[in-house]
Amino acid sequence: MRRLLTLFLFACAVPEAPPAEDPRTCDAGAEKIGVVTSVVFARPDENGHIAGFDLDHDATGFGGTGGCGVTDDVSPDGVAGIDSVFARLLPALELTEAQAVEEIMQELINSGHVLILWDMHGLDGLSSDSCATVELLRGQDAPFIGGRGFINPGQTFDVLAGFTPIDAGEVTIQDGTFQASGFDFDLPFSFLGTFVDFGMHDAVFQVTLQPDGTFNGMLAGGISLEDVFRVASENNVDPAIVGLLQNLVVPIADLAPDESGKCTQISVTLAFNGVSAFLYETPAPEADDSDSPTALDTDL
């Protein structure tokens, strides 16, 4: 009897085995890569609505405090609080030497000087996925351009030398759309005749995947007024244009208020299109030098 009691107590003292962990992670699954083929500024539609995001999480009305009193816009589908005030500058800027900025950007994309790519890991499906990860990259290599004047799909690119991929975190896909946010991205840009990298702060990156392998989306965030004026002052821009910028930009700055409550950034939204692409693998250090890099052929 004593022996049976001892065995019973021993059995009760043995902890239960923990439940098996789900082997799936957000990185487990297929990989898909896209390259941006065209970029334009988001503009108001015929109803005065503009696509974008609520970057400061405040639907600011006239005189409100969340966006320094700068009234937010409304999206075409009726969402309030859209921060995209740079669109209000476009009519004035297009009367200056900045008028060809989008055409210049297209030339830089087609020449390979401005290649923006995204790399998604852990993809289970194009229309729906509960967990995947995304990185943003800058590429290099001159692409092949199709008859319509844009990058052909299915090309392979190297990551820009010295560029550290930006971890945009975990995302979900709903109805073919995923969105990443809360990161900074240096946006290659031609501004006032100068090619510069503007820091886009607390950016939002949204992509909608199409069944034919193409995609479209938006990139939005805040650009520092200090960066804008620095570029203008350091590149011998006509003082009249610098003065115009100051008069136009400062009153509509709507993000990142400082201690005095004055906003220090202006919200910008870019709309883009793109196609599927590949990245070259970096050979392992011990690999034979004669081995050439191979493309990551895991596109869904």
C-alpha atoms as a PDB file:
ATOM      1  CA  MET A   1       0.000   0.000   0.000  1.00  0.00           C
ATOM      2  CA  ARG A   2       2.824   2.418   0.911  1.00  0.00           C
ATOM      3  CA  ARG A   3       4.539   1.612  -2.412  1.00  0.00           C
ATOM      4  CA  LEU A   4       1.385   2.352  -4.391  1.00  0.00           C
ATOM      5  CA  LEU A   5       0.940   5.677  -2.571  1.00  0.00           C
ATOM      6  CA  THR A   6       4.555   6.641  -3.345  1.00  0.00           C
ATOM      7  CA  LEU A   7       4.106   5.859  -7.040  1.00  0.00           C
ATOM      8  CA  PHE A   8       0.873   7.853  -7.092  1.00  0.00           C
ATOM      9  CA  LEU A   9       2.523  10.924  -5.542  1.00  0.00           C
ATOM     10  CA  PHE A  10       5.480  10.668  -7.918  1.00  0.00           C
ATOM     11  CA  ALA A  11       3.176  10.541 -10.912  1.00  0.00           C
ATOM     12  CA  CYS A  12       1.346  13.641  -9.745  1.00  0.00           C
ATOM     13  CA  ALA A  13       4.634  15.528  -9.322  1.00  0.00           C
ATOM     14  CA  VAL A  14       5.792  14.999 -12.920  1.00  0.00           C
ATOM     15  CA  PRO A  15       4.936  18.157 -14.908  1.00  0.00           C
ATOM     16  CA  GLU A  16       2.918  17.783 -18.045  1.00  0.00           C
ATOM     17  CA  ALA A  17       4.819  18.205 -21.321  1.00  0.00           C
ATOM     18  CA  PRO A  18       4.269  21.687 -22.828  1.00  0.00           C
ATOM     19  CA  PRO A  19       2.088  21.807 -25.926  1.00  0.00           C
ATOM     20  CA  ALA A  20       3.975  21.561 -29.196  1.00  0.00           C
ATOM     21  CA  GLU A  21       4.797  24.968 -30.626  1.00  0.00           C
ATOM     22  CA  ASP A  22       3.376  25.949 -33.995  1.00  0.00           C
ATOM     23  CA  PRO A  23       6.315  25.385 -36.357  1.00  0.00           C
ATOM     24  CA  ARG A  24       5.038  28.048 -38.727  1.00  0.00           C
ATOM     25  CA  THR A  25       6.550  31.512 -38.474  1.00  0.00           C
ATOM     26  CA  CYS A  26       5.972  34.653 -40.499  1.00  0.00           C
ATOM     27  CA  ASP A  27       9.097  33.856 -42.521  1.00  0.00           C
ATOM     28  CA  ALA A  28       7.965  30.352 -43.458  1.00  0.00           C
ATOM     29  CA  GLY A  29       6.563  30.246 -46.957  1.00  0.00           C
ATOM     30  CA  ALA A  30       7.200  31.557 -50.432  1.00  0.00           C
ATOM     31  CA  GLU A  31       9.051  34.739 -51.292  1.00  0.00           C
ATOM     32  CA  LYS A  32       7.768  37.478 -53.582  1.00  0.00           C
ATOM     33  CA  ILE A  33       9.701  40.506 -54.790  1.00  0.00           C
ATOM     34  CA  GLY A  34       8.441  43.616 -56.538  1.00  0.00           C
ATOM     35  CA  VAL A  35      10.127  46.608 -58.172  1.00  0.00           C
ATOM     36  CA  VAL A  36       8.472  50.014 -58.510  1.00  0.00           C
ATOM     37  CA  THR A  37       8.209  51.060 -62.157  1.00  0.00           C
ATOM     38  CA  SER A  38       6.524  54.482 -61.899  1.00  0.00           C
ATOM     39  CA  VAL A  39       5.917  57.105 -59.203  1.00  0.00           C
ATOM     40  CA  VAL A  40       3.625  60.139 -59.146  1.00  0.00           C
ATOM     41  CA  PHE A  41       2.382  62.475 -56.452  1.00  0.00           C
ATOM     42  CA  ALA A  42      -1.090  61.755 -55.122  1.00  0.00           C
ATOM     43  CA  ARG A  43      -3.442  64.448 -56.362  1.00  0.00           C
ATOM     44  CA  PRO A  44      -7.039  65.390 -55.535  1.00  0.00           C
ATOM     45  CA  ASP A  45      -9.702  63.810 -57.725  1.00  0.00           C
ATOM     46  CA  GLU A  46     -12.564  65.678 -59.402  1.00  0.00           C
ATOM     47  CA  ASN A  47     -14.372  65.837 -56.048  1.00  0.00           C
ATOM     48  CA  GLY A  48     -11.374  67.252 -54.214  1.00  0.00           C
ATOM     49  CA  HIS A  49     -10.697  63.973 -52.387  1.00  0.00           C
ATOM     50  CA  ILE A  50      -7.234  62.496 -52.173  1.00  0.00           C
ATOM     51  CA  ALA A  51      -5.887  59.012 -51.486  1.00  0.00           C
ATOM     52  CA  GLY A  52      -3.553  58.617 -48.519  1.00  0.00           C
ATOM     53  CA  PHE A  53      -3.354  57.761 -44.823  1.00  0.00           C
ATOM     54  CA  ASP A  54      -4.098  59.274 -41.438  1.00  0.00           C
ATOM     55  CA  LEU A  55      -0.444  59.647 -40.480  1.00  0.00           C
ATOM     56  CA  ASP A  56      -0.929  61.458 -37.176  1.00  0.00           C
ATOM     57  CA  HIS A  57      -4.031  59.503 -36.070  1.00  0.00           C
ATOM     58  CA  ASP A  58      -6.040  62.686 -35.818  1.00  0.00           C
ATOM     59  CA  ALA A  59      -8.822  63.891 -38.094  1.00  0.00           C
ATOM     60  CA  THR A  60      -7.760  67.515 -37.849  1.00  0.00           C
ATOM     61  CA  GLY A  61     -10.225  70.253 -38.595  1.00  0.00           C
ATOM     62  CA  PHE A  62      -9.507  73.931 -39.107  1.00  0.00           C
ATOM     63  CA  GLY A  63      -7.749  75.263 -36.021  1.00  0.00           C
ATOM     64  CA  GLY A  64      -7.377  71.822 -34.467  1.00  0.00           C
ATOM     65  CA  THR A  65      -4.313  70.885 -32.448  1.00  0.00           C
ATOM     66  CA  GLY A  66      -3.439  67.396 -33.722  1.00  0.00           C
ATOM     67  CA  GLY A  67      -2.116  68.589 -37.085  1.00  0.00           C
ATOM     68  CA  CYS A  68      -1.168  72.150 -36.143  1.00  0.00           C
ATOM     69  CA  GLY A  69      -4.558  73.378 -37.258  1.00  0.00           C
ATOM     70  CA  VAL A  70      -4.088  72.280 -40.884  1.00  0.00           C
ATOM     71  CA  THR A  71      -7.334  70.750 -42.114  1.00  0.00           C
ATOM     72  CA  ASP A  72      -6.998  67.123 -43.169  1.00  0.00           C
ATOM     73  CA  ASP A  73      -8.344  65.734 -46.410  1.00  0.00           C
ATOM     74  CA  VAL A  74     -10.886  63.006 -47.128  1.00  0.00           C
ATOM     75  CA  SER A  75     -10.114  59.923 -49.199  1.00  0.00           C
ATOM     76  CA  PRO A  76     -12.159  58.987 -52.296  1.00  0.00           C
ATOM     77  CA  ASP A  77     -13.896  56.272 -50.243  1.00  0.00           C
ATOM     78  CA  GLY A  78     -14.903  58.727 -47.519  1.00  0.00           C
ATOM     79  CA  VAL A  79     -12.187  58.177 -44.880  1.00  0.00           C
ATOM     80  CA  ALA A  80     -11.457  61.364 -42.924  1.00  0.00           C
ATOM     81  CA  GLY A  81      -8.124  62.474 -41.488  1.00  0.00           C
ATOM     82  CA  ILE A  82      -5.992  62.001 -44.625  1.00  0.00           C
ATOM     83  CA  ASP A  83      -2.603  63.712 -44.293  1.00  0.00           C
ATOM     84  CA  SER A  84      -1.305  64.587 -47.756  1.00  0.00           C
ATOM     85  CA  VAL A  85      -0.819  68.354 -47.840  1.00  0.00           C
ATOM     86  CA  PHE A  86       2.049  68.307 -50.344  1.00  0.00           C
ATOM     87  CA  ALA A  87      -0.633  67.889 -53.008  1.00  0.00           C
ATOM     88  CA  ARG A  88      -1.710  71.464 -52.277  1.00  0.00           C
ATOM     89  CA  LEU A  89       1.729  72.717 -53.329  1.00  0.00           C
ATOM     90  CA  LEU A  90       1.754  71.014 -56.708  1.00  0.00           C
ATOM     91  CA  PRO A  91      -0.111  73.694 -58.690  1.00  0.00           C
ATOM     92  CA  ALA A  92       2.366  76.354 -57.524  1.00  0.00           C
ATOM     93  CA  LEU A  93       5.478  74.176 -57.872  1.00  0.00           C
ATOM     94  CA  GLU A  94       4.512  73.159 -61.385  1.00  0.00           C
ATOM     95  CA  LEU A  95       4.880  76.810 -62.391  1.00  0.00           C
ATOM     96  CA  THR A  96       8.539  76.772 -61.316  1.00  0.00           C
ATOM     97  CA  GLU A  97      11.612  74.750 -62.304  1.00  0.00           C
ATOM     98  CA  ALA A  98      10.120  71.864 -60.303  1.00  0.00           C
ATOM     99  CA  GLN A  99       7.480  71.325 -62.977  1.00  0.00           C
ATOM    100  CA  ALA A 100       9.191  68.294 -64.537  1.00  0.00           C
ATOM    101  CA  VAL A 101       9.881  66.426 -61.300  1.00  0.00           C
ATOM    102  CA  GLU A 102       7.751  63.383 -62.164  1.00  0.00           C
ATOM    103  CA  GLU A 103       9.241  63.096 -65.637  1.00  0.00           C
ATOM    104  CA  ILE A 104      12.722  63.288 -64.146  1.00  0.00           C
ATOM    105  CA  MET A 105      11.855  60.625 -61.603  1.00  0.00           C
ATOM    106  CA  GLN A 106      10.671  58.322 -64.382  1.00  0.00           C
ATOM    107  CA  GLU A 107      13.981  58.798 -66.197  1.00  0.00           C
ATOM    108  CA  LEU A 108      15.872  57.965 -62.983  1.00  0.00           C
ATOM    109  CA  ILE A 109      13.805  54.793 -62.500  1.00  0.00           C
ATOM    110  CA  ASN A 110      14.301  53.651 -66.081  1.00  0.00           C
ATOM    111  CA  SER A 111      18.043  54.295 -65.918  1.00  0.00           C
ATOM    112  CA  GLY A 112      18.393  52.273 -62.704  1.00  0.00           C
ATOM    113  CA  HIS A 113      19.368  55.219 -60.493  1.00  0.00           C
ATOM    114  CA  VAL A 114      16.149  54.975 -58.469  1.00  0.00           C
ATOM    115  CA  LEU A 115      15.070  51.382 -57.955  1.00  0.00           C
ATOM    116  CA  ILE A 116      12.729  50.775 -55.012  1.00  0.00           C
ATOM    117  CA  LEU A 117      11.998  47.122 -54.260  1.00  0.00           C
ATOM    118  CA  TRP A 118      10.084  45.210 -51.629  1.00  0.00           C
ATOM    119  CA  ASP A 119      10.869  41.661 -50.558  1.00  0.00           C
ATOM    120  CA  MET A 120       8.169  39.595 -48.848  1.00  0.00           C
ATOM    121  CA  HIS A 121       8.907  36.345 -47.006  1.00  0.00           C
ATOM    122  CA  GLY A 122       6.461  33.778 -45.655  1.00  0.00           C
ATOM    123  CA  LEU A 123       3.830  34.269 -48.334  1.00  0.00           C
ATOM    124  CA  ASP A 124       1.074  31.640 -48.386  1.00  0.00           C
ATOM    125  CA  GLY A 125      -1.275  33.315 -50.862  1.00  0.00           C
ATOM    126  CA  LEU A 126      -1.668  36.485 -52.887  1.00  0.00           C
ATOM    127  CA  SER A 127      -5.194  37.310 -51.737  1.00  0.00           C
ATOM    128  CA  SER A 128      -5.030  36.359 -48.062  1.00  0.00           C
ATOM    129  CA  ASP A 129      -2.273  35.653 -45.554  1.00  0.00           C
ATOM    130  CA  SER A 130      -2.301  36.039 -41.784  1.00  0.00           C
ATOM    131  CA  CYS A 131       1.432  36.475 -41.338  1.00  0.00           C
ATOM    132  CA  ALA A 132       4.321  37.521 -43.605  1.00  0.00           C
ATOM    133  CA  THR A 133       7.337  39.838 -43.332  1.00  0.00           C
ATOM    134  CA  VAL A 134       8.422  42.670 -45.612  1.00  0.00           C
ATOM    135  CA  GLU A 135      11.698  44.459 -46.288  1.00  0.00           C
ATOM    136  CA  LEU A 136      12.215  47.582 -48.370  1.00  0.00           C
ATOM    137  CA  LEU A 137      15.300  47.771 -50.538  1.00  0.00           C
ATOM    138  CA  ARG A 138      17.121  50.011 -52.962  1.00  0.00           C
ATOM    139  CA  GLY A 139      18.373  48.268 -56.084  1.00  0.00           C
ATOM    140  CA  GLN A 140      20.993  48.802 -58.729  1.00  0.00           C
ATOM    141  CA  ASP A 141      21.554  47.671 -62.344  1.00  0.00           C
ATOM    142  CA  ALA A 142      20.103  49.300 -65.446  1.00  0.00           C
ATOM    143  CA  PRO A 143      16.797  47.556 -66.204  1.00  0.00           C
ATOM    144  CA  PHE A 144      15.353  46.541 -69.548  1.00  0.00           C
ATOM    145  CA  ILE A 145      12.572  48.921 -70.577  1.00  0.00           C
ATOM    146  CA  GLY A 146       9.506  47.748 -72.486  1.00  0.00           C
ATOM    147  CA  GLY A 147       7.750  49.374 -75.399  1.00  0.00           C
ATOM    148  CA  ARG A 148       5.438  51.341 -73.085  1.00  0.00           C
ATOM    149  CA  GLY A 149       8.379  53.021 -71.393  1.00  0.00           C
ATOM    150  CA  PHE A 150       8.420  51.084 -68.117  1.00  0.00           C
ATOM    151  CA  ILE A 151      10.560  48.325 -66.572  1.00  0.00           C
ATOM    152  CA  ASN A 152       9.809  44.865 -67.918  1.00  0.00           C
ATOM    153  CA  PRO A 153       8.691  42.267 -65.322  1.00  0.00           C
ATOM    154  CA  GLY A 154      10.741  39.295 -64.172  1.00  0.00           C
ATOM    155  CA  GLN A 155      14.161  40.960 -64.076  1.00  0.00           C
ATOM    156  CA  THR A 156      16.820  40.291 -61.450  1.00  0.00           C
ATOM    157  CA  PHE A 157      18.526  43.064 -59.485  1.00  0.00           C
ATOM    158  CA  ASP A 158      21.348  43.510 -57.010  1.00  0.00           C
ATOM    159  CA  VAL A 159      20.775  45.362 -53.757  1.00  0.00           C
ATOM    160  CA  LEU A 160      22.376  48.793 -53.901  1.00  0.00           C
ATOM    161  CA  ALA A 161      25.943  48.568 -52.578  1.00  0.00           C
ATOM    162  CA  GLY A 162      26.117  49.679 -48.949  1.00  0.00           C
ATOM    163  CA  PHE A 163      22.333  49.782 -48.504  1.00  0.00           C
ATOM    164  CA  THR A 164      20.934  48.114 -45.390  1.00  0.00           C
ATOM    165  CA  PRO A 165      17.499  46.565 -46.006  1.00  0.00           C
ATOM    166  CA  ILE A 166      14.718  48.249 -44.032  1.00  0.00           C
ATOM    167  CA  ASP A 167      12.734  45.816 -41.913  1.00  0.00           C
ATOM    168  CA  ALA A 168       9.114  46.906 -42.320  1.00  0.00           C
ATOM    169  CA  GLY A 169       7.921  44.196 -39.925  1.00  0.00           C
ATOM    170  CA  GLU A 170       5.095  41.680 -40.040  1.00  0.00           C
ATOM    171  CA  VAL A 171       2.084  42.220 -42.270  1.00  0.00           C
ATOM    172  CA  THR A 172      -1.184  40.545 -43.142  1.00  0.00           C
ATOM    173  CA  ILE A 173      -2.745  40.327 -46.596  1.00  0.00           C
ATOM    174  CA  GLN A 174      -6.452  40.979 -47.026  1.00  0.00           C
ATOM    175  CA  ASP A 175      -8.060  41.071 -50.461  1.00  0.00           C
ATOM    176  CA  GLY A 176      -4.593  41.188 -52.000  1.00  0.00           C
ATOM    177  CA  THR A 177      -3.478  44.240 -50.000  1.00  0.00           C
ATOM    178  CA  PHE A 178      -0.800  44.517 -47.318  1.00  0.00           C
ATOM    179  CA  GLN A 179       0.404  47.526 -45.364  1.00  0.00           C
ATOM    180  CA  ALA A 180       3.543  48.218 -43.338  1.00  0.00           C
ATOM    181  CA  SER A 181       4.156  51.317 -41.237  1.00  0.00           C
ATOM    182  CA  GLY A 182       6.265  53.002 -38.593  1.00  0.00           C
ATOM    183  CA  PHE A 183       9.661  53.037 -40.319  1.00  0.00           C
ATOM    184  CA  ASP A 184      11.897  55.695 -41.874  1.00  0.00           C
ATOM    185  CA  PHE A 185      12.854  55.517 -45.529  1.00  0.00           C
ATOM    186  CA  ASP A 186      15.320  57.640 -47.480  1.00  0.00           C
ATOM    187  CA  LEU A 187      13.390  58.523 -50.597  1.00  0.00           C
ATOM    188  CA  PRO A 188      15.553  59.111 -53.682  1.00  0.00           C
ATOM    189  CA  PHE A 189      14.140  62.206 -55.266  1.00  0.00           C
ATOM    190  CA  SER A 190      14.846  64.912 -57.828  1.00  0.00           C
ATOM    191  CA  PHE A 191      13.957  68.248 -56.287  1.00  0.00           C
ATOM    192  CA  LEU A 192      14.647  71.718 -57.684  1.00  0.00           C
ATOM    193  CA  GLY A 193      17.110  70.289 -60.171  1.00  0.00           C
ATOM    194  CA  THR A 194      19.061  68.304 -57.566  1.00  0.00           C
ATOM    195  CA  PHE A 195      19.119  64.545 -56.927  1.00  0.00           C
ATOM    196  CA  VAL A 196      18.843  64.020 -53.155  1.00  0.00           C
ATOM    197  CA  ASP A 197      17.633  61.514 -50.571  1.00  0.00           C
ATOM    198  CA  PHE A 198      14.796  62.932 -48.495  1.00  0.00           C
ATOM    199  CA  GLY A 199      14.146  61.194 -45.208  1.00  0.00           C
ATOM    200  CA  MET A 200      10.511  60.069 -45.119  1.00  0.00           C
ATOM    201  CA  HIS A 201       9.605  59.668 -41.448  1.00  0.00           C
ATOM    202  CA  ASP A 202       7.074  57.276 -39.870  1.00  0.00           C
ATOM    203  CA  ALA A 203       6.293  56.025 -43.342  1.00  0.00           C
ATOM    204  CA  VAL A 204       3.322  53.932 -44.464  1.00  0.00           C
ATOM    205  CA  PHE A 205       3.803  51.522 -47.364  1.00  0.00           C
ATOM    206  CA  GLN A 206       0.744  49.877 -48.910  1.00  0.00           C
ATOM    207  CA  VAL A 207       0.696  47.440 -51.831  1.00  0.00           C
ATOM    208  CA  THR A 208      -2.188  45.777 -53.659  1.00  0.00           C
ATOM    209  CA  LEU A 209      -1.157  42.633 -55.539  1.00  0.00           C
ATOM    210  CA  GLN A 210      -2.827  41.886 -58.857  1.00  0.00           C
ATOM    211  CA  PRO A 211      -3.429  38.399 -60.312  1.00  0.00           C
ATOM    212  CA  ASP A 212      -1.227  39.184 -63.332  1.00  0.00           C
ATOM    213  CA  GLY A 213       1.829  39.785 -61.127  1.00  0.00           C
ATOM    214  CA  THR A 214       1.698  43.569 -61.220  1.00  0.00           C
ATOM    215  CA  PHE A 215       0.951  45.749 -58.199  1.00  0.00           C
ATOM    216  CA  ASN A 216       0.029  49.283 -57.257  1.00  0.00           C
ATOM    217  CA  GLY A 217       0.194  51.158 -54.018  1.00  0.00           C
ATOM    218  CA  MET A 218       1.120  54.219 -52.008  1.00  0.00           C
ATOM    219  CA  LEU A 219       4.060  55.403 -49.924  1.00  0.00           C
ATOM    220  CA  ALA A 220       3.413  58.230 -47.485  1.00  0.00           C
ATOM    221  CA  GLY A 221       5.164  59.918 -44.590  1.00  0.00           C
ATOM    222  CA  GLY A 222       6.548  63.179 -43.289  1.00  0.00           C
ATOM    223  CA  ILE A 223       9.396  65.127 -44.876  1.00  0.00           C
ATOM    224  CA  SER A 224      11.267  67.528 -42.643  1.00  0.00           C
ATOM    225  CA  LEU A 225      11.018  71.217 -43.482  1.00  0.00           C
ATOM    226  CA  GLU A 226      14.646  71.498 -42.470  1.00  0.00           C
ATOM    227  CA  ASP A 227      15.600  69.043 -45.219  1.00  0.00           C
ATOM    228  CA  VAL A 228      13.588  70.934 -47.820  1.00  0.00           C
ATOM    229  CA  PHE A 229      15.162  74.291 -47.036  1.00  0.00           C
ATOM    230  CA  ARG A 230      18.645  72.792 -46.691  1.00  0.00           C
ATOM    231  CA  VAL A 231      18.454  71.334 -50.187  1.00  0.00           C
ATOM    232  CA  ALA A 232      17.248  74.645 -51.559  1.00  0.00           C
ATOM    233  CA  SER A 233      19.984  76.674 -49.845  1.00  0.00           C
ATOM    234  CA  GLU A 234      22.854  74.292 -50.641  1.00  0.00           C
ATOM    235  CA  ASN A 235      22.186  74.025 -54.365  1.00  0.00           C
ATOM    236  CA  ASN A 236      22.078  77.653 -55.486  1.00  0.00           C
ATOM    237  CA  VAL A 237      18.345  77.598 -56.086  1.00  0.00           C
ATOM    238  CA  ASP A 238      16.837  80.898 -57.192  1.00  0.00           C
ATOM    239  CA  PRO A 239      16.172  82.884 -53.972  1.00  0.00           C
ATOM    240  CA  ALA A 240      12.726  83.724 -55.299  1.00  0.00           C
ATOM    241  CA  ILE A 241      11.853  80.008 -55.375  1.00  0.00           C
ATOM    242  CA  VAL A 242      13.268  79.513 -51.872  1.00  0.00           C
ATOM    243  CA  GLY A 243      11.073  82.355 -50.664  1.00  0.00           C
ATOM    244  CA  LEU A 244       8.106  80.841 -52.463  1.00  0.00           C
ATOM    245  CA  LEU A 245       8.749  77.513 -50.743  1.00  0.00           C
ATOM    246  CA  GLN A 246       8.932  79.095 -47.326  1.00  0.00           C
ATOM    247  CA  ASN A 247       5.713  81.007 -47.875  1.00  0.00           C
ATOM    248  CA  LEU A 248       3.903  77.928 -49.164  1.00  0.00           C
ATOM    249  CA  VAL A 249       5.277  75.133 -47.003  1.00  0.00           C
ATOM    250  CA  VAL A 250       5.537  76.556 -43.498  1.00  0.00           C
ATOM    251  CA  PRO A 251       1.822  77.434 -43.123  1.00  0.00           C
ATOM    252  CA  ILE A 252       0.687  73.942 -44.135  1.00  0.00           C
ATOM    253  CA  ALA A 253       3.219  71.843 -42.187  1.00  0.00           C
ATOM    254  CA  ASP A 254       1.017  69.274 -40.489  1.00  0.00           C
ATOM    255  CA  LEU A 255       3.189  66.630 -38.775  1.00  0.00           C
ATOM    256  CA  ALA A 256       5.660  66.231 -35.888  1.00  0.00           C
ATOM    257  CA  PRO A 257       4.946  69.305 -33.747  1.00  0.00           C
ATOM    258  CA  ASP A 258       7.882  70.502 -31.663  1.00  0.00           C
ATOM    259  CA  GLU A 259       7.776  71.614 -28.016  1.00  0.00           C
ATOM    260  CA  SER A 260       6.221  74.920 -29.004  1.00  0.00           C
ATOM    261  CA  GLY A 261       3.497  73.164 -30.991  1.00  0.00           C
ATOM    262  CA  LYS A 262       4.897  74.149 -34.378  1.00  0.00           C
ATOM    263  CA  CYS A 263       4.821  71.340 -36.951  1.00  0.00           C
ATOM    264  CA  THR A 264       8.208  70.448 -38.410  1.00  0.00           C
ATOM    265  CA  GLN A 265       7.197  68.083 -41.215  1.00  0.00           C
ATOM    266  CA  ILE A 266       4.963  68.142 -44.239  1.00  0.00           C
ATOM    267  CA  SER A 267       2.949  65.081 -45.258  1.00  0.00           C
ATOM    268  CA  VAL A 268       3.649  63.601 -48.686  1.00  0.00           C
ATOM    269  CA  THR A 269       1.896  60.750 -50.506  1.00  0.00           C
ATOM    270  CA  LEU A 270       3.257  59.003 -53.571  1.00  0.00           C
ATOM    271  CA  ALA A 271       1.293  56.611 -55.759  1.00  0.00           C
ATOM    272  CA  PHE A 272       3.203  53.918 -57.616  1.00  0.00           C
ATOM    273  CA  ASN A 273       2.909  50.923 -59.911  1.00  0.00           C
ATOM    274  CA  GLY A 274       5.253  47.980 -60.241  1.00  0.00           C
ATOM    275  CA  VAL A 275       5.982  44.502 -61.496  1.00  0.00           C
ATOM    276  CA  SER A 276       7.389  41.275 -60.115  1.00  0.00           C
ATOM    277  CA  ALA A 277      11.170  40.966 -59.879  1.00  0.00           C
ATOM    278  CA  PHE A 278      13.982  38.857 -58.404  1.00  0.00           C
ATOM    279  CA  LEU A 279      17.104  39.499 -56.338  1.00  0.00           C
ATOM    280  CA  TYR A 280      20.509  37.963 -56.809  1.00  0.00           C
ATOM    281  CA  GLU A 281      21.642  35.784 -53.934  1.00  0.00           C
ATOM    282  CA  THR A 282      24.862  36.815 -52.270  1.00  0.00           C
ATOM    283  CA  PRO A 283      27.284  33.871 -52.489  1.00  0.00           C
ATOM    284  CA  ALA A 284      28.452  32.443 -49.162  1.00  0.00           C
ATOM    285  CA  PRO A 285      32.068  33.391 -48.297  1.00  0.00           C
ATOM    286  CA  GLU A 286      33.264  29.805 -48.695  1.00  0.00           C
ATOM    287  CA  ALA A 287      31.623  29.392 -52.076  1.00  0.00           C
ATOM    288  CA  ASP A 288      33.804  28.819 -55.125  1.00  0.00           C
ATOM    289  CA  ASP A 289      34.515  32.067 -56.977  1.00  0.00           C
ATOM    290  CA  SER A 290      33.486  30.406 -60.210  1.00  0.00           C
ATOM    291  CA  ASP A 291      29.921  30.007 -58.944  1.00  0.00           C
ATOM    292  CA  SER A 292      27.734  32.740 -60.349  1.00  0.00           C
ATOM    293  CA  PRO A 293      24.845  34.174 -58.292  1.00  0.00           C
ATOM    294  CA  THR A 294      21.433  32.741 -58.962  1.00  0.00           C
ATOM    295  CA  ALA A 295      18.060  34.391 -58.847  1.00  0.00           C
ATOM    296  CA  LEU A 296      15.567  33.682 -56.094  1.00  0.00           C
ATOM    297  CA  ASP A 297      12.946  31.948 -58.226  1.00  0.00           C
ATOM    298  CA  THR A 298      10.232  31.670 -55.627  1.00  0.00           C
ATOM    299  CA  ASP A 299       7.672  34.063 -57.062  1.00  0.00           C
ATOM    300  CA  LEU A 300       4.092  32.904 -56.653  1.00  0.00           C
END
